[in-house]
Protein backbone atom coordinates (compact mmCIF):
# COMPACT_ATOMS: atom_id res chain seq x y z
CA MET A 1 55.02 180.88 54.75
CA THR A 2 54.32 177.15 54.49
CA GLN A 3 51.68 175.18 56.33
CA ALA A 4 54.20 173.41 58.63
CA GLN A 5 55.74 176.75 59.67
CA SER A 6 52.28 178.13 60.49
CA THR A 7 51.49 175.18 62.79
CA GLN A 8 54.72 175.29 64.88
CA PRO A 9 53.76 178.30 67.14
CA SER A 10 50.38 176.78 68.00
CA ALA A 11 52.11 173.59 69.35
CA SER A 12 54.20 175.61 71.81
CA HIS A 13 51.24 177.37 73.56
CA SER A 14 49.16 175.96 76.39
CA ALA A 15 45.46 175.07 76.38
CA THR A 16 44.39 178.53 77.73
CA THR A 17 45.57 180.33 74.58
CA VAL A 18 43.61 178.22 72.09
CA PRO A 19 40.98 180.92 71.05
CA ARG A 20 43.67 183.53 70.35
CA ASP A 21 45.59 180.97 68.29
CA GLN A 22 42.43 180.12 66.41
CA ALA A 23 41.92 183.80 65.48
CA ALA A 24 45.49 184.06 64.27
CA ALA A 25 44.97 180.86 62.31
CA GLU A 26 41.84 182.36 60.67
CA ILE A 27 43.82 185.47 59.67
CA ARG A 28 46.57 183.33 58.23
CA CYS A 29 44.00 181.16 56.48
CA ALA A 30 42.47 184.31 54.89
CA ASN A 31 45.88 185.43 53.71
CA VAL A 32 46.65 181.98 52.35
CA CYS A 33 43.30 181.73 50.63
CA PHE A 34 43.83 185.20 49.09
CA SER A 35 47.34 184.27 47.94
CA ASN A 36 46.06 181.08 46.34
CA ASN A 37 43.91 183.15 43.97
CA GLY A 38 40.69 181.19 44.42
CA GLY A 39 42.34 177.75 44.96
CA PRO A 40 41.33 175.14 47.59
CA CYS A 41 41.44 176.39 51.22
CA THR A 42 43.67 174.66 53.81
CA CYS A 43 42.14 176.22 56.91
CA ASP A 44 40.37 173.03 57.97
CA LEU A 45 43.66 171.10 57.91
CA ALA A 46 45.43 173.64 60.12
CA GLY A 47 42.54 173.67 62.56
CA ARG A 48 42.62 169.93 62.83
CA LEU A 49 46.33 169.97 63.53
CA ASP A 50 45.88 172.61 66.22
CA TYR A 51 43.11 170.59 67.82
CA ASP A 52 45.23 167.46 67.78
CA LEU A 53 48.08 169.32 69.45
CA TRP A 54 45.72 170.71 72.09
CA SER A 55 44.34 167.23 72.81
CA LEU A 56 47.89 165.85 73.15
CA ILE A 57 48.77 168.61 75.59
CA GLN A 58 45.67 167.78 77.66
CA HIS A 59 46.62 164.10 77.62
CA PHE A 60 50.16 164.91 78.80
CA GLU A 61 48.75 167.05 81.63
CA LYS A 62 46.56 164.19 82.79
CA ALA A 63 49.51 161.81 82.66
CA ARG A 64 51.61 164.24 84.71
CA LYS A 65 48.89 164.49 87.34
CA THR A 66 48.53 160.71 87.57
CA LEU A 67 52.32 160.40 87.86
CA ASP A 68 52.31 162.92 90.71
CA ASN A 69 49.56 160.91 92.41
CA TYR A 70 51.58 157.73 92.04
CA ARG A 71 54.62 159.44 93.52
CA GLU A 72 52.61 160.61 96.53
CA ILE A 73 51.21 157.10 97.03
CA ALA A 74 54.73 155.63 96.83
CA GLN A 75 56.05 158.15 99.35
CA ARG A 76 53.21 157.30 101.71
CA GLY A 77 53.94 153.57 101.31
CA ASN A 78 57.64 154.16 102.00
CA LEU A 79 56.80 156.15 105.11
CA GLU A 80 54.53 153.39 106.35
CA ARG A 81 57.19 150.77 105.68
CA SER A 82 59.86 152.79 107.43
CA TYR A 83 57.52 153.22 110.40
CA VAL A 84 56.87 149.47 110.54
CA LEU A 85 60.59 148.72 110.26
CA GLN A 86 61.36 151.17 113.04
CA GLN A 87 58.81 149.47 115.27
CA GLN A 88 60.32 146.07 114.47
CA HIS A 89 63.78 147.44 115.21
CA ASP A 90 62.62 148.80 118.55
CA SER A 91 60.99 145.51 119.47
CA LEU A 92 64.16 143.60 118.55
CA ASN A 93 66.26 145.95 120.65
CA ALA A 94 63.94 145.40 123.57
CA ARG A 95 64.10 141.63 123.16
CA TRP A 96 67.90 141.70 122.86
CA SER A 97 68.28 143.82 125.99
CA SER A 98 65.97 141.51 127.94
CA SER A 99 67.80 138.39 126.72
CA TYR A 100 71.16 140.01 127.47
CA GLY A 101 70.03 140.68 131.04
CA GLU A 102 68.87 137.09 131.41
CA LEU A 103 72.21 135.85 130.09
CA GLN A 104 74.08 138.01 132.58
CA LYS A 105 72.00 136.57 135.38
CA GLU A 106 72.63 133.04 134.13
CA ALA A 107 76.37 133.74 133.89
CA GLN A 108 76.47 135.02 137.44
CA LYS A 109 74.62 131.93 138.60
CA ARG A 110 77.04 129.66 136.72
CA ALA A 111 80.03 131.48 138.23
CA HIS A 112 78.59 130.97 141.70
CA ASP A 113 78.07 127.26 140.96
CA LEU A 114 81.65 126.97 139.69
CA GLN A 115 83.05 128.55 142.82
CA LYS A 116 81.06 126.10 144.88
CA ALA A 117 82.34 123.19 142.78
CA LEU A 118 85.94 124.41 143.22
CA LYS A 119 85.50 124.41 146.97
CA ASP A 120 84.14 120.87 146.82
CA LEU A 121 87.13 119.80 144.72
CA GLU A 122 89.57 121.26 147.22
CA ASN A 123 87.84 119.34 149.99
CA MET A 124 88.04 116.15 147.93
CA LYS A 125 91.76 116.73 147.30
CA ALA A 126 92.39 117.03 151.02
CA LYS A 127 90.50 113.79 151.62
CA LEU A 128 92.45 112.05 148.87
CA LYS A 129 95.75 113.17 150.39
CA GLU A 130 94.69 111.66 153.70
CA GLN A 131 93.72 108.43 151.96
CA ALA A 132 97.08 108.41 150.08
CA ALA A 133 98.95 108.74 153.35
CA ASP A 134 96.94 105.83 154.72
CA SER A 135 97.54 103.74 151.59
CA GLN A 136 101.35 104.16 151.72
CA THR A 137 101.60 101.58 154.47
CA THR A 138 99.52 99.14 152.46
CA ASP A 139 101.72 99.87 149.42
CA MET A 140 104.84 98.92 151.37
CA ALA A 141 103.29 95.61 152.33
CA LEU A 142 102.16 94.98 148.77
CA ARG A 143 105.66 95.72 147.46
CA GLU A 144 107.20 93.20 149.82
CA LEU A 145 104.67 90.59 148.72
CA ARG A 146 105.34 91.37 145.07
CA ALA A 147 109.09 91.03 145.61
CA THR A 148 108.68 87.58 147.13
CA VAL A 149 106.30 86.52 144.34
CA GLU A 150 108.72 87.78 141.68
CA LEU A 151 111.58 85.80 143.24
CA GLN A 152 109.49 82.66 143.19
CA ASN A 153 108.45 83.31 139.59
CA ARG A 154 112.10 83.80 138.57
CA GLU A 155 113.04 80.51 140.12
CA ILE A 156 110.20 78.79 138.29
CA VAL A 157 111.22 80.42 134.99
CA ARG A 158 114.85 79.34 135.48
CA SER A 159 113.84 75.77 136.13
CA ARG A 160 111.61 75.75 133.05
CA ALA A 161 114.41 77.26 130.93
CA LEU A 162 116.84 74.60 132.11
CA HIS A 163 114.33 71.88 131.31
CA PHE A 164 113.73 73.38 127.87
CA GLN A 165 117.48 73.59 127.21
CA VAL A 166 117.88 69.91 128.13
CA GLU A 167 115.11 68.97 125.69
CA ASN A 168 116.69 71.12 122.96
CA LEU A 169 120.07 69.50 123.52
CA GLU A 170 118.53 66.05 123.22
CA ARG A 171 116.81 67.06 119.98
CA GLU A 172 120.04 68.53 118.63
CA MET A 173 121.89 65.32 119.44
CA ALA A 174 119.29 63.29 117.56
CA GLU A 175 119.45 65.70 114.62
CA CYS A 176 123.26 65.54 114.63
CA LYS A 177 123.12 61.77 114.47
CA SER A 178 120.73 61.87 111.52
CA VAL A 179 122.89 64.51 109.82
CA ASN A 180 126.02 62.39 110.33
CA GLN A 181 124.29 59.41 108.79
CA ALA A 182 123.19 61.52 105.82
CA VAL A 183 126.73 62.91 105.41
CA GLU A 184 128.17 59.41 105.43
CA ALA A 185 125.69 58.37 102.74
CA VAL A 186 126.59 61.44 100.69
CA LEU A 187 130.31 60.66 101.04
CA VAL A 188 129.71 57.13 99.78
CA MET A 189 127.77 58.51 96.81
CA LYS A 190 130.55 61.03 96.11
CA LYS A 191 133.17 58.27 96.17
CA GLN A 192 131.11 56.34 93.65
CA ARG A 193 130.77 59.45 91.53
CA ILE A 194 134.54 60.05 91.68
CA THR A 195 135.22 56.53 90.45
CA GLU A 196 132.68 57.03 87.66
CA LEU A 197 134.30 60.33 86.70
CA GLU A 198 137.76 58.74 86.67
CA SER A 199 136.54 56.00 84.34
CA ALA A 200 134.82 58.63 82.18
CA LEU A 201 138.08 60.61 82.12
CA GLU A 202 139.97 57.57 80.93
CA GLU A 203 137.37 57.02 78.23
CA MET A 204 137.66 60.66 77.22
CA SER A 205 141.43 60.42 76.93
CA VAL A 206 141.02 57.37 74.68
CA LYS A 207 138.44 59.23 72.64
CA THR A 208 140.71 62.27 72.31
CA LYS A 209 143.50 60.07 70.99
CA GLN A 210 141.09 58.44 68.58
CA LEU A 211 139.84 61.89 67.63
CA ALA A 212 143.38 63.03 66.75
CA ALA A 213 143.84 59.93 64.58
CA ASP A 214 140.46 60.52 62.94
CA LYS A 215 141.42 64.12 62.31
CA VAL A 216 144.63 63.05 60.54
CA GLU A 217 142.61 60.56 58.51
CA HIS A 218 140.09 63.28 57.68
CA GLU A 219 142.84 65.56 56.39
CA SER A 220 144.22 62.77 54.18
CA LEU A 221 140.74 61.99 52.86
CA LYS A 222 140.22 65.66 52.20
CA LEU A 223 143.41 65.78 50.11
CA GLN A 224 142.34 62.65 48.22
CA PHE A 225 138.95 64.24 47.60
CA VAL A 226 140.58 67.37 46.16
CA ALA A 227 142.83 65.25 43.94
CA LEU A 228 139.84 63.26 42.68
CA GLU A 229 137.98 66.47 41.96
CA ALA A 230 140.96 67.69 39.92
CA GLU A 231 141.08 64.38 38.00
CA HIS A 232 137.35 64.61 37.42
CA ALA A 233 137.75 68.11 36.03
CA GLU A 234 140.55 66.95 33.71
CA THR A 235 138.43 64.06 32.45
CA LEU A 236 135.59 66.46 31.80
CA ASP A 237 137.93 68.68 29.79
CA ILE A 238 139.21 65.67 27.82
CA ALA A 239 135.66 64.45 27.17
CA SER A 240 134.52 67.85 25.99
CA GLY A 241 137.55 68.10 23.69
CA LEU A 242 136.88 64.65 22.22
CA PHE A 243 133.26 65.34 21.51
CA GLU A 244 134.27 68.57 19.79
CA GLY A 245 136.72 66.81 17.38
CA GLU A 246 140.02 66.77 19.27
CA VAL A 247 142.35 63.72 19.35
CA GLY A 248 142.08 61.50 22.45
CA SER A 249 140.42 58.43 23.94
CA THR A 250 137.10 57.02 22.81
CA PRO A 251 133.84 58.27 24.32
CA ALA A 252 133.11 54.85 25.88
CA GLU A 253 136.40 54.92 27.80
CA LEU A 254 135.78 58.46 28.95
CA ILE A 255 132.28 57.57 30.12
CA SER A 256 133.58 54.54 32.03
CA GLN A 257 136.35 56.64 33.60
CA ASN A 258 133.78 59.29 34.51
CA ARG A 259 131.55 56.68 36.14
CA ALA A 260 134.47 55.25 38.11
CA LEU A 261 135.50 58.70 39.27
CA GLY A 262 131.89 59.45 40.24
CA GLN A 263 131.71 56.22 42.24
CA GLN A 264 134.98 57.06 44.01
CA LEU A 265 133.67 60.56 44.68
CA ARG A 266 130.47 59.20 46.23
CA GLU A 267 132.45 56.76 48.38
CA LEU A 268 134.75 59.55 49.56
CA ARG A 269 131.74 61.71 50.38
CA ALA A 270 130.17 58.88 52.39
CA GLU A 271 133.44 58.31 54.25
CA ASN A 272 133.76 62.03 54.85
CA GLY A 273 130.22 62.21 56.27
CA SER A 274 130.78 59.23 58.57
CA LEU A 275 134.09 60.71 59.70
CA VAL A 276 132.41 64.02 60.46
CA GLU A 277 129.74 62.23 62.52
CA ARG A 278 132.43 60.33 64.43
CA LEU A 279 134.35 63.52 65.13
CA ALA A 280 131.18 65.22 66.32
CA GLY A 281 130.31 62.25 68.59
CA PHE A 282 133.79 61.64 70.05
CA GLY A 283 134.66 65.26 70.77
CA PRO A 284 134.84 66.40 74.43
CA GLU A 285 131.83 68.14 75.88
CA ARG A 286 133.61 71.45 76.59
CA ASP A 287 134.99 71.62 73.03
CA GLY A 288 131.94 70.09 71.34
CA SER A 289 130.46 73.27 69.88
CA SER A 290 133.80 74.67 68.63
CA HIS A 291 134.86 71.30 67.13
CA LYS A 292 131.51 70.97 65.38
CA GLN A 293 131.92 74.45 63.95
CA ARG A 294 135.41 73.49 62.65
CA ILE A 295 134.00 70.33 61.03
CA ASP A 296 131.10 72.24 59.46
CA GLY A 297 133.59 74.85 58.21
CA GLY A 298 135.74 72.14 56.60
CA LYS A 299 132.68 70.58 55.04
CA GLU A 300 131.57 73.93 53.64
CA GLN A 301 135.10 74.54 52.27
CA VAL A 302 135.04 71.15 50.47
CA LEU A 303 131.63 71.91 48.97
CA ASP A 304 132.85 75.36 47.90
CA CYS A 305 135.85 73.74 46.19
CA ILE A 306 133.51 71.38 44.30
CA VAL A 307 131.28 74.25 43.17
CA VAL A 308 134.27 76.38 42.09
CA GLU A 309 135.81 73.48 40.12
CA SER A 310 132.50 72.69 38.40
CA THR A 311 132.06 76.34 37.44
CA GLY A 312 135.68 76.38 36.20
CA ASP A 313 134.99 73.34 34.02
CA GLU A 314 131.94 75.00 32.52
CA GLY A 315 133.98 78.15 31.83
CA LYS A 316 136.72 76.14 30.11
CA GLY A 317 134.20 74.37 27.86
CA ARG A 318 132.61 77.69 26.88
CA LYS A 319 136.03 79.20 26.05
CA ARG A 320 136.86 76.24 23.78
CA ARG A 321 133.55 76.56 21.96
CA ARG A 322 134.13 80.26 21.38
CA ALA A 323 137.68 79.63 20.08
CA LYS A 324 136.34 77.13 17.52
């Protein structure tokens, strides 16, 4: 048997069985000491453990007693509190019953006062009916007076309305006169405007005729310009052939011809620009934007023709160089 197994029974007994446990511990200690064959004795250690267990049991007993005391004190406090609460409840019930009785008395008193007030109201109603019957005669007289006053007021209002209508008619007559004068002035201005428009129309017809003639002249100048461009291209081809060794005119003649053609080309361009400006200025207002677009389109076409011909001349010169 080990030391821990020998100490377990002693922990389960109460404090009254400590001497008997000590005797059993001494017997066990003797057996252990004999089995150890003269080794160190462990009796003191077991006794200490038993004493510690006994002291713990005593401590637990004291704690249990104090806990029981605390429980009794708490029960007493709860009883006292419940007693105090019961007294408060009884006092509140008494106060509520007394206040309820007072309220009942007050309600009865108020009901009596209301009945009295109702009786007074009925008496007042009867008096008011009598006064209403008396006031009916006065109402009849007042109605008659009101009817006469209303008739007089209507007559006054009618006279004022007639006077106001007369004043309005006079004002309208004056306004009509001023309006007639203004209309006459406007008619005179419109007649002047009509004459101006007729003269402008005649000028426009003259301008349209001149525009048609200018258009025909523009077309002829355009054809001349194209022909001059073609001649210029031919001269360029001839000049390029001469400078490369071909038979033809002298370089001085070609240069003079080229200068003359350039001068003619510049003159035609100046005439074309002036003609375009004239066409843009003489065109009618309603067809101004469309006519300007047509002129710009023709101008762009002429410039495109010039660019195409110049590029064609350059291509021809390059082809001749490659052939040589």
